[in-house]
Amino acid sequence: MVTRTFALFASLLIGSTPALADTAPACPPAAVGALWPQGAPLAADGRLQVNTPGQIALQADADGKHAGSAMVTIDAAGTYAVALGSAAWIDVVKDGALLTSTGHGHGPACSGIRKIVRFALQPGIYEVRLSRSERNTAQVLVSAAP
């Protein structure tokens, strides 16, 4: 039930377009036990589940930033959104080739979603690669875009 509720919430967030403002609104604190923006568990065995938030562990690289990846299995063709709770570069890779994104944006104010990048995906296994992060973990959600 929690996963379905979160998937509905995520699809509403991913489908929205934020309004531009000069100042950020005052956001209420996240609920205790919330899975977003930073409460999801580490991706088990380096695998993300569609519609379920997870953390990817990132390692320091030569330029002092952090990078890492996790795999995700896509069962149905469509446009998928990769949402992050912090600043990082997002790539999706299939069979060693970087895929071209079909769109990008930011999450709604106070959602905890910092960045959303969309990709057209076919059924199969993909690598979600993150780089240029200031943090050693990144909260990620892969979800079918509405």
C-alpha atoms as a PDB file:
ATOM      1  CA  MET A   1       0.000   0.000   0.000  1.00  0.00           C
ATOM      2  CA  VAL A   2       2.834   2.409   0.885  1.00  0.00           C
ATOM      3  CA  THR A   3       4.533   1.699  -2.458  1.00  0.00           C
ATOM      4  CA  ARG A   4       1.303   2.362  -4.412  1.00  0.00           C
ATOM      5  CA  THR A   5       0.658   5.572  -2.494  1.00  0.00           C
ATOM      6  CA  PHE A   6       4.245   6.696  -3.019  1.00  0.00           C
ATOM      7  CA  ALA A   7       4.110   5.787  -6.744  1.00  0.00           C
ATOM      8  CA  LEU A   8       0.971   7.921  -7.144  1.00  0.00           C
ATOM      9  CA  PHE A   9       2.612  10.783  -5.246  1.00  0.00           C
ATOM     10  CA  ALA A  10       5.769  10.434  -7.366  1.00  0.00           C
ATOM     11  CA  SER A  11       3.860  10.423 -10.656  1.00  0.00           C
ATOM     12  CA  LEU A  12       2.031  13.592  -9.620  1.00  0.00           C
ATOM     13  CA  LEU A  13       5.330  15.260  -8.690  1.00  0.00           C
ATOM     14  CA  ILE A  14       7.143  14.136 -11.824  1.00  0.00           C
ATOM     15  CA  GLY A  15       4.310  15.332 -14.060  1.00  0.00           C
ATOM     16  CA  SER A  16       4.147  18.806 -12.545  1.00  0.00           C
ATOM     17  CA  THR A  17       5.971  21.918 -13.647  1.00  0.00           C
ATOM     18  CA  PRO A  18       7.173  24.247 -10.891  1.00  0.00           C
ATOM     19  CA  ALA A  19       6.469  27.942 -10.990  1.00  0.00           C
ATOM     20  CA  LEU A  20       9.462  30.263 -10.949  1.00  0.00           C
ATOM     21  CA  ALA A  21       9.855  32.484  -7.925  1.00  0.00           C
ATOM     22  CA  ASP A  22      12.428  34.946  -6.652  1.00  0.00           C
ATOM     23  CA  THR A  23      12.663  33.269  -3.260  1.00  0.00           C
ATOM     24  CA  ALA A  24      12.200  29.688  -2.175  1.00  0.00           C
ATOM     25  CA  PRO A  25       9.106  29.042  -0.057  1.00  0.00           C
ATOM     26  CA  ALA A  26       9.479  28.017   3.570  1.00  0.00           C
ATOM     27  CA  CYS A  27       9.063  24.250   3.531  1.00  0.00           C
ATOM     28  CA  PRO A  28       7.743  22.170   6.419  1.00  0.00           C
ATOM     29  CA  PRO A  29      10.113  19.529   7.805  1.00  0.00           C
ATOM     30  CA  ALA A  30       9.829  16.016   6.339  1.00  0.00           C
ATOM     31  CA  ALA A  31       7.614  13.625   8.294  1.00  0.00           C
ATOM     32  CA  VAL A  32       9.383  11.195  10.602  1.00  0.00           C
ATOM     33  CA  GLY A  33       9.929   7.947   8.691  1.00  0.00           C
ATOM     34  CA  ALA A  34       9.300   9.547   5.290  1.00  0.00           C
ATOM     35  CA  LEU A  35      10.992   7.865   2.317  1.00  0.00           C
ATOM     36  CA  TRP A  36      11.668  11.192   0.604  1.00  0.00           C
ATOM     37  CA  PRO A  37      13.774  13.297   0.546  1.00  0.00           C
ATOM     38  CA  GLN A  38      16.454  11.216   2.300  1.00  0.00           C
ATOM     39  CA  GLY A  39      14.852   8.301   4.128  1.00  0.00           C
ATOM     40  CA  ALA A  40      15.003   5.495   1.551  1.00  0.00           C
ATOM     41  CA  PRO A  41      17.188   2.447   2.117  1.00  0.00           C
ATOM     42  CA  LEU A  42      20.391   1.796   0.185  1.00  0.00           C
ATOM     43  CA  ALA A  43      19.675   0.063  -3.145  1.00  0.00           C
ATOM     44  CA  ALA A  44      19.946  -3.644  -2.314  1.00  0.00           C
ATOM     45  CA  ASP A  45      22.658  -5.402  -4.333  1.00  0.00           C
ATOM     46  CA  GLY A  46      23.087  -2.225  -6.379  1.00  0.00           C
ATOM     47  CA  ARG A  47      19.589  -2.558  -7.852  1.00  0.00           C
ATOM     48  CA  LEU A  48      16.824   0.031  -7.917  1.00  0.00           C
ATOM     49  CA  GLN A  49      13.148  -0.906  -8.135  1.00  0.00           C
ATOM     50  CA  VAL A  50      10.817   1.123 -10.375  1.00  0.00           C
ATOM     51  CA  ASN A  51       8.471   3.341  -8.283  1.00  0.00           C
ATOM     52  CA  THR A  52      10.473   2.745  -5.103  1.00  0.00           C
ATOM     53  CA  PRO A  53      12.958   5.344  -3.825  1.00  0.00           C
ATOM     54  CA  GLY A  54      16.449   4.114  -3.023  1.00  0.00           C
ATOM     55  CA  GLN A  55      19.868   5.448  -2.101  1.00  0.00           C
ATOM     56  CA  ILE A  56      22.890   4.882  -4.347  1.00  0.00           C
ATOM     57  CA  ALA A  57      26.284   4.827  -2.630  1.00  0.00           C
ATOM     58  CA  LEU A  58      28.750   7.153  -4.376  1.00  0.00           C
ATOM     59  CA  GLN A  59      32.550   6.997  -4.303  1.00  0.00           C
ATOM     60  CA  ALA A  60      34.962   9.948  -4.406  1.00  0.00           C
ATOM     61  CA  ASP A  61      36.564  10.422  -7.823  1.00  0.00           C
ATOM     62  CA  ALA A  62      39.726  12.187  -9.010  1.00  0.00           C
ATOM     63  CA  ASP A  63      38.177  15.678  -9.059  1.00  0.00           C
ATOM     64  CA  GLY A  64      36.850  15.452  -5.487  1.00  0.00           C
ATOM     65  CA  LYS A  65      33.243  14.841  -6.537  1.00  0.00           C
ATOM     66  CA  HIS A  66      31.341  11.566  -6.061  1.00  0.00           C
ATOM     67  CA  ALA A  67      30.041   9.026  -8.577  1.00  0.00           C
ATOM     68  CA  GLY A  68      28.259   5.675  -8.553  1.00  0.00           C
ATOM     69  CA  SER A  69      25.599   3.604 -10.244  1.00  0.00           C
ATOM     70  CA  ALA A  70      22.809   1.090  -9.796  1.00  0.00           C
ATOM     71  CA  MET A  71      20.902  -1.163 -12.152  1.00  0.00           C
ATOM     72  CA  VAL A  72      17.166  -1.001 -12.849  1.00  0.00           C
ATOM     73  CA  THR A  73      14.957  -3.422 -14.783  1.00  0.00           C
ATOM     74  CA  ILE A  74      12.297  -1.896 -17.030  1.00  0.00           C
ATOM     75  CA  ASP A  75       9.356  -4.211 -17.823  1.00  0.00           C
ATOM     76  CA  ALA A  76       7.305  -2.023 -20.190  1.00  0.00           C
ATOM     77  CA  ALA A  77       8.319   0.412 -22.930  1.00  0.00           C
ATOM     78  CA  GLY A  78       7.692   4.079 -22.198  1.00  0.00           C
ATOM     79  CA  THR A  79       9.110   7.309 -20.908  1.00  0.00           C
ATOM     80  CA  TYR A  80      10.704   6.997 -17.490  1.00  0.00           C
ATOM     81  CA  ALA A  81      11.770   9.757 -15.120  1.00  0.00           C
ATOM     82  CA  VAL A  82      14.864   9.540 -12.932  1.00  0.00           C
ATOM     83  CA  ALA A  83      14.421  11.882  -9.958  1.00  0.00           C
ATOM     84  CA  LEU A  84      17.205  12.899  -7.554  1.00  0.00           C
ATOM     85  CA  GLY A  85      17.053  14.430  -4.108  1.00  0.00           C
ATOM     86  CA  SER A  86      20.397  16.224  -4.535  1.00  0.00           C
ATOM     87  CA  ALA A  87      22.533  17.797  -7.256  1.00  0.00           C
ATOM     88  CA  ALA A  88      24.298  15.293  -9.536  1.00  0.00           C
ATOM     89  CA  TRP A  89      24.716  14.465 -13.204  1.00  0.00           C
ATOM     90  CA  ILE A  90      22.377  11.651 -14.390  1.00  0.00           C
ATOM     91  CA  ASP A  91      23.161   9.229 -17.210  1.00  0.00           C
ATOM     92  CA  VAL A  92      21.267   6.104 -18.214  1.00  0.00           C
ATOM     93  CA  VAL A  93      23.299   3.426 -19.981  1.00  0.00           C
ATOM     94  CA  LYS A  94      22.187   0.404 -22.037  1.00  0.00           C
ATOM     95  CA  ASP A  95      24.738  -2.112 -23.344  1.00  0.00           C
ATOM     96  CA  GLY A  96      27.584   0.357 -22.717  1.00  0.00           C
ATOM     97  CA  ALA A  97      25.947   3.216 -24.655  1.00  0.00           C
ATOM     98  CA  LEU A  98      24.806   6.480 -23.045  1.00  0.00           C
ATOM     99  CA  LEU A  99      21.165   7.211 -23.835  1.00  0.00           C
ATOM    100  CA  THR A 100      19.950  10.656 -24.837  1.00  0.00           C
ATOM    101  CA  SER A 101      17.457  12.198 -22.428  1.00  0.00           C
ATOM    102  CA  THR A 102      14.047  13.287 -23.712  1.00  0.00           C
ATOM    103  CA  GLY A 103      13.495  16.026 -21.121  1.00  0.00           C
ATOM    104  CA  HIS A 104      14.578  17.424 -17.797  1.00  0.00           C
ATOM    105  CA  GLY A 105      13.381  19.694 -15.033  1.00  0.00           C
ATOM    106  CA  HIS A 106      13.101  20.212 -11.301  1.00  0.00           C
ATOM    107  CA  GLY A 107      10.676  18.871  -8.743  1.00  0.00           C
ATOM    108  CA  PRO A 108       7.938  21.037  -7.253  1.00  0.00           C
ATOM    109  CA  ALA A 109       8.794  23.377  -4.393  1.00  0.00           C
ATOM    110  CA  CYS A 110       9.166  21.581  -1.046  1.00  0.00           C
ATOM    111  CA  SER A 111       9.057  18.121  -2.683  1.00  0.00           C
ATOM    112  CA  GLY A 112      12.701  17.322  -1.965  1.00  0.00           C
ATOM    113  CA  ILE A 113      13.184  16.454  -5.638  1.00  0.00           C
ATOM    114  CA  ARG A 114      16.130  18.457  -6.940  1.00  0.00           C
ATOM    115  CA  LYS A 115      16.297  17.181 -10.521  1.00  0.00           C
ATOM    116  CA  ILE A 116      14.248  15.035 -12.925  1.00  0.00           C
ATOM    117  CA  VAL A 117      15.568  13.650 -16.216  1.00  0.00           C
ATOM    118  CA  ARG A 118      13.352  11.661 -18.613  1.00  0.00           C
ATOM    119  CA  PHE A 119      14.406   8.825 -20.933  1.00  0.00           C
ATOM    120  CA  ALA A 120      12.529   6.718 -23.521  1.00  0.00           C
ATOM    121  CA  LEU A 121      13.196   3.121 -22.451  1.00  0.00           C
ATOM    122  CA  GLN A 122      12.382  -0.314 -23.839  1.00  0.00           C
ATOM    123  CA  PRO A 123      12.118  -3.442 -21.667  1.00  0.00           C
ATOM    124  CA  GLY A 124      15.531  -4.462 -20.383  1.00  0.00           C
ATOM    125  CA  ILE A 125      18.202  -3.806 -17.780  1.00  0.00           C
ATOM    126  CA  TYR A 126      19.718  -0.320 -17.541  1.00  0.00           C
ATOM    127  CA  GLU A 127      22.459   1.291 -15.501  1.00  0.00           C
ATOM    128  CA  VAL A 128      21.594   4.574 -13.766  1.00  0.00           C
ATOM    129  CA  ARG A 129      24.929   6.419 -13.471  1.00  0.00           C
ATOM    130  CA  LEU A 130      25.364   9.419 -11.207  1.00  0.00           C
ATOM    131  CA  SER A 131      28.406  11.706 -11.178  1.00  0.00           C
ATOM    132  CA  ARG A 132      29.578  15.174 -10.119  1.00  0.00           C
ATOM    133  CA  SER A 133      27.836  14.904  -6.751  1.00  0.00           C
ATOM    134  CA  GLU A 134      28.995  16.719  -3.624  1.00  0.00           C
ATOM    135  CA  ARG A 135      27.576  13.881  -1.485  1.00  0.00           C
ATOM    136  CA  ASN A 136      28.542  10.270  -0.911  1.00  0.00           C
ATOM    137  CA  THR A 137      24.966   8.993  -1.372  1.00  0.00           C
ATOM    138  CA  ALA A 138      22.108  10.069  -3.627  1.00  0.00           C
ATOM    139  CA  GLN A 139      18.376   9.502  -3.215  1.00  0.00           C
ATOM    140  CA  VAL A 140      16.936   8.214  -6.515  1.00  0.00           C
ATOM    141  CA  LEU A 141      13.494   7.340  -7.850  1.00  0.00           C
ATOM    142  CA  VAL A 142      12.900   5.761 -11.274  1.00  0.00           C
ATOM    143  CA  SER A 143       9.247   6.007 -12.273  1.00  0.00           C
ATOM    144  CA  ALA A 144       7.137   5.766 -15.402  1.00  0.00           C
ATOM    145  CA  ALA A 145       6.414   9.345 -16.477  1.00  0.00           C
ATOM    146  CA  PRO A 146       2.706  10.235 -16.767  1.00  0.00           C
END
